[in-house]
Amino acid sequence: MPYFTYEVISHPESGAKLLTHIETYPKYRDAKMRVKEERDKHPQRDPQEFRLVFAKNTVEAEKLLSIPRDERVIGDI
């Protein structure tokens, strides 16, 4: 399965996500480097606006990126 790189912009009011496919890579390392390059090119933007996802196709990749994620919890409360 390939790795897809995306630019993900969230609408501040509705939370809807605009997904722009950047490129598809067969290897993780190449996709990771592309996302890092995009983040370095745009330091003023949130790093989470550039993402990579492992999926069967673009439809599955966009579905995975559109699912709201729970806040990450670090450690015990």
N, C-alpha and C. Protein backbone atom coordinates (compact mmCIF):
# COMPACT_ATOMS: atom_id res chain seq x y z
N MET A 1 0.85 -1.18 0.00
CA MET A 1 0.00 0.00 0.00
C MET A 1 0.89 1.24 0.00
N PRO A 2 0.47 2.26 -0.70
CA PRO A 2 1.26 3.48 -0.80
C PRO A 2 1.02 4.44 0.37
N TYR A 3 1.87 5.45 0.43
CA TYR A 3 1.76 6.54 1.40
C TYR A 3 1.32 7.79 0.66
N PHE A 4 0.32 8.45 1.19
CA PHE A 4 -0.22 9.65 0.57
C PHE A 4 0.13 10.86 1.43
N THR A 5 0.55 11.94 0.79
CA THR A 5 0.83 13.18 1.51
C THR A 5 -0.27 14.18 1.17
N TYR A 6 -0.71 14.90 2.21
CA TYR A 6 -1.83 15.83 2.07
C TYR A 6 -1.57 17.13 2.80
N GLU A 7 -2.17 18.18 2.27
CA GLU A 7 -2.28 19.44 2.99
C GLU A 7 -3.70 19.45 3.56
N VAL A 8 -3.81 19.62 4.87
CA VAL A 8 -5.10 19.56 5.56
C VAL A 8 -5.37 20.91 6.21
N ILE A 9 -6.39 21.59 5.74
CA ILE A 9 -6.76 22.89 6.31
C ILE A 9 -8.15 22.75 6.92
N SER A 10 -8.24 23.06 8.22
CA SER A 10 -9.52 22.97 8.93
C SER A 10 -10.19 24.33 8.94
N HIS A 11 -11.50 24.34 8.65
CA HIS A 11 -12.28 25.57 8.71
C HIS A 11 -12.49 25.88 10.19
N PRO A 12 -12.13 27.11 10.63
CA PRO A 12 -12.19 27.42 12.06
C PRO A 12 -13.58 27.35 12.68
N GLU A 13 -14.60 27.68 11.93
CA GLU A 13 -15.95 27.71 12.50
C GLU A 13 -16.64 26.35 12.44
N SER A 14 -16.63 25.72 11.28
CA SER A 14 -17.37 24.46 11.13
C SER A 14 -16.53 23.24 11.46
N GLY A 15 -15.21 23.37 11.41
CA GLY A 15 -14.34 22.22 11.65
C GLY A 15 -14.19 21.34 10.42
N ALA A 16 -14.83 21.70 9.31
CA ALA A 16 -14.71 20.93 8.07
C ALA A 16 -13.27 21.01 7.57
N LYS A 17 -12.82 19.93 6.95
CA LYS A 17 -11.43 19.87 6.49
C LYS A 17 -11.36 19.92 4.98
N LEU A 18 -10.47 20.76 4.47
CA LEU A 18 -10.18 20.83 3.05
C LEU A 18 -8.89 20.03 2.85
N LEU A 19 -8.98 18.94 2.10
CA LEU A 19 -7.84 18.06 1.87
C LEU A 19 -7.31 18.25 0.46
N THR A 20 -6.02 18.54 0.36
CA THR A 20 -5.38 18.69 -0.94
C THR A 20 -4.27 17.66 -1.06
N HIS A 21 -4.44 16.74 -2.00
CA HIS A 21 -3.45 15.69 -2.22
C HIS A 21 -2.18 16.32 -2.80
N ILE A 22 -1.04 16.04 -2.17
CA ILE A 22 0.23 16.58 -2.66
C ILE A 22 0.89 15.56 -3.60
N GLU A 23 1.16 14.36 -3.06
CA GLU A 23 1.80 13.34 -3.87
C GLU A 23 1.65 11.98 -3.20
N THR A 24 1.87 10.91 -3.99
CA THR A 24 1.80 9.53 -3.50
C THR A 24 3.19 8.93 -3.60
N TYR A 25 3.58 8.17 -2.55
CA TYR A 25 4.91 7.56 -2.51
C TYR A 25 4.80 6.08 -2.16
N PRO A 26 5.64 5.25 -2.76
CA PRO A 26 5.63 3.82 -2.41
C PRO A 26 6.36 3.53 -1.10
N LYS A 27 7.26 4.43 -0.69
CA LYS A 27 8.07 4.20 0.51
C LYS A 27 7.80 5.27 1.57
N TYR A 28 7.75 4.81 2.83
CA TYR A 28 7.50 5.70 3.97
C TYR A 28 8.53 6.82 4.05
N ARG A 29 9.79 6.48 3.90
CA ARG A 29 10.87 7.47 4.03
C ARG A 29 10.69 8.64 3.06
N ASP A 30 10.31 8.35 1.82
CA ASP A 30 10.12 9.41 0.83
C ASP A 30 8.93 10.30 1.20
N ALA A 31 7.84 9.68 1.66
CA ALA A 31 6.66 10.46 2.06
C ALA A 31 6.99 11.31 3.28
N LYS A 32 7.70 10.75 4.23
CA LYS A 32 8.08 11.48 5.44
C LYS A 32 8.95 12.69 5.09
N MET A 33 9.87 12.50 4.18
CA MET A 33 10.75 13.61 3.77
C MET A 33 9.96 14.71 3.08
N ARG A 34 8.97 14.34 2.27
CA ARG A 34 8.15 15.34 1.58
C ARG A 34 7.35 16.17 2.58
N VAL A 35 6.76 15.51 3.57
CA VAL A 35 6.00 16.23 4.59
C VAL A 35 6.93 17.16 5.36
N LYS A 36 8.11 16.70 5.69
CA LYS A 36 9.08 17.54 6.40
C LYS A 36 9.47 18.75 5.56
N GLU A 37 9.68 18.55 4.27
CA GLU A 37 10.02 19.66 3.36
C GLU A 37 8.89 20.69 3.33
N GLU A 38 7.65 20.22 3.24
CA GLU A 38 6.51 21.15 3.21
C GLU A 38 6.42 21.93 4.52
N ARG A 39 6.63 21.26 5.64
CA ARG A 39 6.58 21.95 6.94
C ARG A 39 7.71 22.98 7.04
N ASP A 40 8.89 22.64 6.53
CA ASP A 40 10.02 23.58 6.55
C ASP A 40 9.79 24.78 5.63
N LYS A 41 9.10 24.57 4.51
CA LYS A 41 8.80 25.66 3.57
C LYS A 41 7.80 26.65 4.14
N HIS A 42 6.95 26.18 5.06
CA HIS A 42 5.88 27.01 5.62
C HIS A 42 5.96 27.03 7.15
N PRO A 43 7.02 27.63 7.71
CA PRO A 43 7.19 27.60 9.17
C PRO A 43 6.12 28.36 9.94
N GLN A 44 5.44 29.30 9.29
CA GLN A 44 4.41 30.09 9.97
C GLN A 44 3.11 29.32 10.15
N ARG A 45 2.98 28.20 9.48
CA ARG A 45 1.74 27.41 9.55
C ARG A 45 1.88 26.28 10.57
N ASP A 46 0.73 25.76 11.00
CA ASP A 46 0.69 24.64 11.93
C ASP A 46 1.29 23.41 11.23
N PRO A 47 2.24 22.73 11.86
CA PRO A 47 2.84 21.54 11.23
C PRO A 47 1.83 20.44 10.92
N GLN A 48 0.71 20.40 11.66
CA GLN A 48 -0.30 19.37 11.42
C GLN A 48 -1.10 19.62 10.14
N GLU A 49 -0.84 20.73 9.46
CA GLU A 49 -1.51 20.98 8.19
C GLU A 49 -0.92 20.14 7.06
N PHE A 50 0.23 19.53 7.31
CA PHE A 50 0.87 18.67 6.31
C PHE A 50 0.97 17.28 6.93
N ARG A 51 0.27 16.32 6.31
CA ARG A 51 0.16 14.99 6.90
C ARG A 51 0.47 13.92 5.88
N LEU A 52 0.83 12.74 6.38
CA LEU A 52 0.94 11.58 5.52
C LEU A 52 0.08 10.48 6.10
N VAL A 53 -0.41 9.63 5.23
CA VAL A 53 -1.30 8.55 5.64
C VAL A 53 -1.02 7.32 4.78
N PHE A 54 -1.09 6.16 5.41
CA PHE A 54 -0.90 4.88 4.75
C PHE A 54 -2.28 4.32 4.43
N ALA A 55 -2.59 4.13 3.15
CA ALA A 55 -3.92 3.68 2.76
C ALA A 55 -3.87 2.94 1.42
N LYS A 56 -4.97 2.27 1.12
CA LYS A 56 -5.07 1.54 -0.15
C LYS A 56 -5.18 2.46 -1.35
N ASN A 57 -5.93 3.57 -1.16
CA ASN A 57 -6.16 4.50 -2.26
C ASN A 57 -6.49 5.89 -1.69
N THR A 58 -6.69 6.87 -2.57
CA THR A 58 -6.95 8.24 -2.10
C THR A 58 -8.28 8.35 -1.36
N VAL A 59 -9.26 7.55 -1.74
CA VAL A 59 -10.56 7.59 -1.07
C VAL A 59 -10.40 7.19 0.39
N GLU A 60 -9.70 6.08 0.62
CA GLU A 60 -9.47 5.63 2.00
C GLU A 60 -8.61 6.63 2.76
N ALA A 61 -7.59 7.18 2.11
CA ALA A 61 -6.71 8.16 2.76
C ALA A 61 -7.50 9.39 3.21
N GLU A 62 -8.36 9.90 2.35
CA GLU A 62 -9.15 11.08 2.70
C GLU A 62 -10.17 10.76 3.78
N LYS A 63 -10.69 9.56 3.78
CA LYS A 63 -11.63 9.16 4.83
C LYS A 63 -10.91 9.13 6.18
N LEU A 64 -9.71 8.55 6.20
CA LEU A 64 -8.93 8.48 7.45
C LEU A 64 -8.56 9.87 7.96
N LEU A 65 -8.21 10.77 7.06
CA LEU A 65 -7.84 12.13 7.47
C LEU A 65 -9.04 12.96 7.90
N SER A 66 -10.22 12.58 7.47
CA SER A 66 -11.43 13.34 7.81
C SER A 66 -12.03 12.95 9.16
N ILE A 67 -11.66 11.80 9.67
CA ILE A 67 -12.21 11.33 10.95
C ILE A 67 -11.67 12.21 12.08
N PRO A 68 -12.55 12.77 12.90
CA PRO A 68 -12.07 13.57 14.04
C PRO A 68 -11.30 12.69 15.02
N ARG A 69 -10.18 13.22 15.51
CA ARG A 69 -9.36 12.48 16.45
C ARG A 69 -9.54 13.02 17.85
N ASP A 70 -9.52 12.12 18.83
CA ASP A 70 -9.59 12.52 20.23
C ASP A 70 -8.28 13.20 20.61
N GLU A 71 -8.36 14.06 21.60
CA GLU A 71 -7.16 14.72 22.11
C GLU A 71 -6.23 13.64 22.67
N ARG A 72 -4.96 13.81 22.44
CA ARG A 72 -3.97 12.86 22.91
C ARG A 72 -3.74 13.03 24.41
N VAL A 73 -3.80 11.95 25.15
CA VAL A 73 -3.58 11.99 26.59
C VAL A 73 -2.21 11.41 26.88
N ILE A 74 -1.41 12.17 27.62
CA ILE A 74 -0.07 11.72 27.95
C ILE A 74 -0.01 11.49 29.46
N GLY A 75 0.29 10.27 29.87
CA GLY A 75 0.41 9.95 31.30
C GLY A 75 -0.94 9.69 31.94
N ASP A 76 -0.90 9.35 33.21
CA ASP A 76 -2.12 9.08 33.98
C ASP A 76 -2.60 10.34 34.68
N ILE A 77 -3.88 10.37 34.94
CA ILE A 77 -4.47 11.51 35.67
C ILE A 77 -4.57 11.16 37.13
